[in-house]
């Protein structure tokens, strides 16, 4: 299990390769990308800050939750801090699972838990100012409902 906070650009292909294994029928990645707009404003860049030691501990906690619920242990969660330009990845979740449904559910769960409990903060810098953005509450992922869509 890879759980890391970094100032370096995240290498998604390397993380996907790191989680692959012969028993996995699905390998998935999610990339959270810095976008150029928010709330009708043109975003120039983002700045992330964190309490790295606590954040890595929380990532491991999320990984343990995923292992207990879905049996997925080949998992990488890496969050970037510092200045991010538009289109750069701020977060990558990569995992391997025996079956795709478990993989998708676990990936979504990881993302929502990260948003809810990770001590990482985002500042949006736009043309006429900047603002630290607060996270959103964790809403449990309803796998059954998602499969019906």
C-alpha atoms as a PDB file:
ATOM      1  CA  UNK A   1       0.000   0.000   0.000  1.00  0.00           C
ATOM      2  CA  UNK A   2       1.401   3.384  -1.035  1.00  0.00           C
ATOM      3  CA  UNK A   3       0.163   6.383   0.980  1.00  0.00           C
ATOM      4  CA  UNK A   4       2.097   9.548   0.296  1.00  0.00           C
ATOM      5  CA  UNK A   5       2.003  13.332   0.374  1.00  0.00           C
ATOM      6  CA  UNK A   6       4.424  14.870  -2.122  1.00  0.00           C
ATOM      7  CA  UNK A   7       5.545  18.154  -3.630  1.00  0.00           C
ATOM      8  CA  UNK A   8       6.551  16.346  -6.827  1.00  0.00           C
ATOM      9  CA  UNK A   9       4.383  15.774  -9.879  1.00  0.00           C
ATOM     10  CA  UNK A  10       2.479  12.507  -9.508  1.00  0.00           C
ATOM     11  CA  UNK A  11       3.453   9.729 -11.905  1.00  0.00           C
ATOM     12  CA  UNK A  12       0.120   7.966 -12.519  1.00  0.00           C
ATOM     13  CA  UNK A  13       1.492   5.273 -14.891  1.00  0.00           C
ATOM     14  CA  UNK A  14       4.120   4.302 -12.294  1.00  0.00           C
ATOM     15  CA  UNK A  15       1.433   3.990  -9.594  1.00  0.00           C
ATOM     16  CA  UNK A  16      -0.724   1.830 -11.865  1.00  0.00           C
ATOM     17  CA  UNK A  17       2.254  -0.410 -12.538  1.00  0.00           C
ATOM     18  CA  UNK A  18       3.011  -0.620  -8.807  1.00  0.00           C
ATOM     19  CA  UNK A  19      -0.463  -1.939  -7.922  1.00  0.00           C
ATOM     20  CA  UNK A  20      -0.799  -4.516 -10.726  1.00  0.00           C
ATOM     21  CA  UNK A  21      -0.680  -8.178  -9.799  1.00  0.00           C
ATOM     22  CA  UNK A  22      -1.641 -11.501 -11.426  1.00  0.00           C
ATOM     23  CA  UNK A  23      -4.848 -12.006  -9.412  1.00  0.00           C
ATOM     24  CA  UNK A  24      -6.274  -8.626 -10.421  1.00  0.00           C
ATOM     25  CA  UNK A  25      -8.848  -8.470 -13.188  1.00  0.00           C
ATOM     26  CA  UNK A  26      -9.202  -4.701 -12.851  1.00  0.00           C
ATOM     27  CA  UNK A  27      -6.688  -1.898 -12.411  1.00  0.00           C
ATOM     28  CA  UNK A  28      -8.156   1.547 -11.927  1.00  0.00           C
ATOM     29  CA  UNK A  29      -6.895   5.089 -11.483  1.00  0.00           C
ATOM     30  CA  UNK A  30      -8.575   8.313 -10.502  1.00  0.00           C
ATOM     31  CA  UNK A  31      -6.818  11.632 -11.083  1.00  0.00           C
ATOM     32  CA  UNK A  32      -8.060  14.810  -9.446  1.00  0.00           C
ATOM     33  CA  UNK A  33      -6.972  17.577 -11.799  1.00  0.00           C
ATOM     34  CA  UNK A  34      -6.547  21.316 -11.217  1.00  0.00           C
ATOM     35  CA  UNK A  35      -9.201  22.948 -13.387  1.00  0.00           C
ATOM     36  CA  UNK A  36      -9.244  26.476 -14.742  1.00  0.00           C
ATOM     37  CA  UNK A  37     -12.590  27.585 -13.293  1.00  0.00           C
ATOM     38  CA  UNK A  38     -14.550  27.582 -10.068  1.00  0.00           C
ATOM     39  CA  UNK A  39     -17.794  29.334  -9.128  1.00  0.00           C
ATOM     40  CA  UNK A  40     -17.706  31.378 -12.327  1.00  0.00           C
ATOM     41  CA  UNK A  41     -14.144  32.593 -11.739  1.00  0.00           C
ATOM     42  CA  UNK A  42     -11.110  31.918 -13.917  1.00  0.00           C
ATOM     43  CA  UNK A  43      -8.641  30.008 -11.751  1.00  0.00           C
ATOM     44  CA  UNK A  44      -4.967  30.711 -12.496  1.00  0.00           C
ATOM     45  CA  UNK A  45      -3.455  28.014 -10.252  1.00  0.00           C
ATOM     46  CA  UNK A  46      -4.027  26.121  -6.994  1.00  0.00           C
ATOM     47  CA  UNK A  47      -1.985  25.869  -3.830  1.00  0.00           C
ATOM     48  CA  UNK A  48      -2.336  22.866  -1.519  1.00  0.00           C
ATOM     49  CA  UNK A  49      -1.048  22.690   2.015  1.00  0.00           C
ATOM     50  CA  UNK A  50      -1.136  19.797   4.462  1.00  0.00           C
ATOM     51  CA  UNK A  51      -0.054  18.297   7.720  1.00  0.00           C
ATOM     52  CA  UNK A  52       1.915  15.573   5.877  1.00  0.00           C
ATOM     53  CA  UNK A  53       2.503  13.121   8.738  1.00  0.00           C
ATOM     54  CA  UNK A  54      -1.146  13.166   9.769  1.00  0.00           C
ATOM     55  CA  UNK A  55      -2.322  13.073   6.143  1.00  0.00           C
ATOM     56  CA  UNK A  56      -0.261   9.968   5.409  1.00  0.00           C
ATOM     57  CA  UNK A  57      -1.635   8.351   8.574  1.00  0.00           C
ATOM     58  CA  UNK A  58      -5.187   9.127   7.405  1.00  0.00           C
ATOM     59  CA  UNK A  59      -4.435   7.704   3.952  1.00  0.00           C
ATOM     60  CA  UNK A  60      -3.268   4.472   5.602  1.00  0.00           C
ATOM     61  CA  UNK A  61      -6.488   4.444   7.661  1.00  0.00           C
ATOM     62  CA  UNK A  62      -8.536   4.732   4.462  1.00  0.00           C
ATOM     63  CA  UNK A  63      -6.464   1.945   2.915  1.00  0.00           C
ATOM     64  CA  UNK A  64      -7.165  -0.289   5.914  1.00  0.00           C
ATOM     65  CA  UNK A  65     -10.909   0.462   5.610  1.00  0.00           C
ATOM     66  CA  UNK A  66     -10.781  -0.536   1.934  1.00  0.00           C
ATOM     67  CA  UNK A  67      -8.866  -3.725   2.718  1.00  0.00           C
ATOM     68  CA  UNK A  68     -11.438  -4.672   5.365  1.00  0.00           C
ATOM     69  CA  UNK A  69     -14.471  -3.919   3.180  1.00  0.00           C
ATOM     70  CA  UNK A  70     -13.317  -5.106  -0.276  1.00  0.00           C
ATOM     71  CA  UNK A  71     -10.145  -7.108   0.404  1.00  0.00           C
ATOM     72  CA  UNK A  72      -8.152  -4.705  -1.777  1.00  0.00           C
ATOM     73  CA  UNK A  73      -4.568  -4.296  -0.587  1.00  0.00           C
ATOM     74  CA  UNK A  74      -2.842  -3.245  -3.832  1.00  0.00           C
ATOM     75  CA  UNK A  75      -3.619   0.441  -3.463  1.00  0.00           C
ATOM     76  CA  UNK A  76      -1.827   3.753  -3.986  1.00  0.00           C
ATOM     77  CA  UNK A  77      -3.102   7.139  -2.816  1.00  0.00           C
ATOM     78  CA  UNK A  78      -0.852  10.133  -3.450  1.00  0.00           C
ATOM     79  CA  UNK A  79      -1.803  13.765  -2.800  1.00  0.00           C
ATOM     80  CA  UNK A  80       0.307  16.626  -4.032  1.00  0.00           C
ATOM     81  CA  UNK A  81       0.953  19.821  -2.095  1.00  0.00           C
ATOM     82  CA  UNK A  82       2.449  23.144  -3.126  1.00  0.00           C
ATOM     83  CA  UNK A  83       1.604  25.112  -6.253  1.00  0.00           C
ATOM     84  CA  UNK A  84      -0.224  23.233  -9.020  1.00  0.00           C
ATOM     85  CA  UNK A  85      -0.699  24.602 -12.487  1.00  0.00           C
ATOM     86  CA  UNK A  86      -3.938  24.031 -14.379  1.00  0.00           C
ATOM     87  CA  UNK A  87      -4.301  20.417 -15.610  1.00  0.00           C
ATOM     88  CA  UNK A  88      -1.800  18.992 -13.119  1.00  0.00           C
ATOM     89  CA  UNK A  89      -2.922  16.130 -10.866  1.00  0.00           C
ATOM     90  CA  UNK A  90      -3.495  16.993  -7.216  1.00  0.00           C
ATOM     91  CA  UNK A  91      -4.602  13.492  -6.219  1.00  0.00           C
ATOM     92  CA  UNK A  92      -4.134  10.037  -7.695  1.00  0.00           C
ATOM     93  CA  UNK A  93      -5.814   6.893  -6.437  1.00  0.00           C
ATOM     94  CA  UNK A  94      -4.679   3.682  -8.126  1.00  0.00           C
ATOM     95  CA  UNK A  95      -5.795   0.203  -7.169  1.00  0.00           C
ATOM     96  CA  UNK A  96      -6.030  -3.354  -8.378  1.00  0.00           C
ATOM     97  CA  UNK A  97      -8.956  -5.635  -7.599  1.00  0.00           C
ATOM     98  CA  UNK A  98     -10.131  -9.056  -8.633  1.00  0.00           C
ATOM     99  CA  UNK A  99     -13.352  -7.611 -10.088  1.00  0.00           C
ATOM    100  CA  UNK A 100     -14.248  -4.214 -11.525  1.00  0.00           C
ATOM    101  CA  UNK A 101     -17.306  -3.547  -9.342  1.00  0.00           C
ATOM    102  CA  UNK A 102     -15.249  -3.813  -6.158  1.00  0.00           C
ATOM    103  CA  UNK A 103     -12.518  -1.700  -7.723  1.00  0.00           C
ATOM    104  CA  UNK A 104     -14.882   1.099  -8.726  1.00  0.00           C
ATOM    105  CA  UNK A 105     -16.629   1.061  -5.341  1.00  0.00           C
ATOM    106  CA  UNK A 106     -13.334   1.116  -3.444  1.00  0.00           C
ATOM    107  CA  UNK A 107     -11.926   3.919  -5.590  1.00  0.00           C
ATOM    108  CA  UNK A 108     -15.036   6.054  -5.053  1.00  0.00           C
ATOM    109  CA  UNK A 109     -14.952   5.311  -1.336  1.00  0.00           C
ATOM    110  CA  UNK A 110     -11.290   6.347  -1.136  1.00  0.00           C
ATOM    111  CA  UNK A 111     -12.013   9.613  -2.916  1.00  0.00           C
ATOM    112  CA  UNK A 112     -14.953  10.541  -0.695  1.00  0.00           C
ATOM    113  CA  UNK A 113     -13.083   9.616   2.501  1.00  0.00           C
ATOM    114  CA  UNK A 114     -10.056  11.628   1.400  1.00  0.00           C
ATOM    115  CA  UNK A 115     -12.286  14.643   0.830  1.00  0.00           C
ATOM    116  CA  UNK A 116     -13.832  14.168   4.273  1.00  0.00           C
ATOM    117  CA  UNK A 117     -10.897  13.433   6.587  1.00  0.00           C
ATOM    118  CA  UNK A 118      -7.564  14.284   4.969  1.00  0.00           C
ATOM    119  CA  UNK A 119      -5.811  17.279   6.568  1.00  0.00           C
ATOM    120  CA  UNK A 120      -5.090  18.915   3.210  1.00  0.00           C
ATOM    121  CA  UNK A 121      -6.242  22.411   2.298  1.00  0.00           C
ATOM    122  CA  UNK A 122      -6.711  24.029  -1.103  1.00  0.00           C
ATOM    123  CA  UNK A 123      -6.337  27.666  -2.078  1.00  0.00           C
ATOM    124  CA  UNK A 124      -7.722  28.822  -5.425  1.00  0.00           C
ATOM    125  CA  UNK A 125      -5.913  31.755  -6.978  1.00  0.00           C
ATOM    126  CA  UNK A 126      -7.911  33.598  -9.617  1.00  0.00           C
ATOM    127  CA  UNK A 127      -7.521  36.762 -11.637  1.00  0.00           C
ATOM    128  CA  UNK A 128      -8.719  39.152  -8.913  1.00  0.00           C
ATOM    129  CA  UNK A 129      -7.966  37.351  -5.688  1.00  0.00           C
ATOM    130  CA  UNK A 130      -7.622  34.093  -3.858  1.00  0.00           C
ATOM    131  CA  UNK A 131      -9.543  31.982  -1.375  1.00  0.00           C
ATOM    132  CA  UNK A 132      -8.945  28.917   0.787  1.00  0.00           C
ATOM    133  CA  UNK A 133     -11.677  26.425  -0.081  1.00  0.00           C
ATOM    134  CA  UNK A 134     -13.286  24.238   2.573  1.00  0.00           C
ATOM    135  CA  UNK A 135     -13.916  20.560   1.853  1.00  0.00           C
ATOM    136  CA  UNK A 136     -17.295  18.879   1.603  1.00  0.00           C
ATOM    137  CA  UNK A 137     -18.761  16.350   3.988  1.00  0.00           C
ATOM    138  CA  UNK A 138     -18.373  12.672   3.175  1.00  0.00           C
ATOM    139  CA  UNK A 139     -21.467  11.172   1.600  1.00  0.00           C
ATOM    140  CA  UNK A 140     -21.349   7.366   1.655  1.00  0.00           C
ATOM    141  CA  UNK A 141     -21.205   5.873  -1.807  1.00  0.00           C
ATOM    142  CA  UNK A 142     -24.261   3.784  -2.638  1.00  0.00           C
ATOM    143  CA  UNK A 143     -22.871   1.071  -4.899  1.00  0.00           C
ATOM    144  CA  UNK A 144     -26.300  -0.419  -5.621  1.00  0.00           C
ATOM    145  CA  UNK A 145     -27.687   2.920  -6.781  1.00  0.00           C
ATOM    146  CA  UNK A 146     -24.647   3.579  -8.948  1.00  0.00           C
ATOM    147  CA  UNK A 147     -24.968   0.223 -10.677  1.00  0.00           C
ATOM    148  CA  UNK A 148     -28.610   0.970 -11.573  1.00  0.00           C
ATOM    149  CA  UNK A 149     -27.737   4.213 -13.377  1.00  0.00           C
END
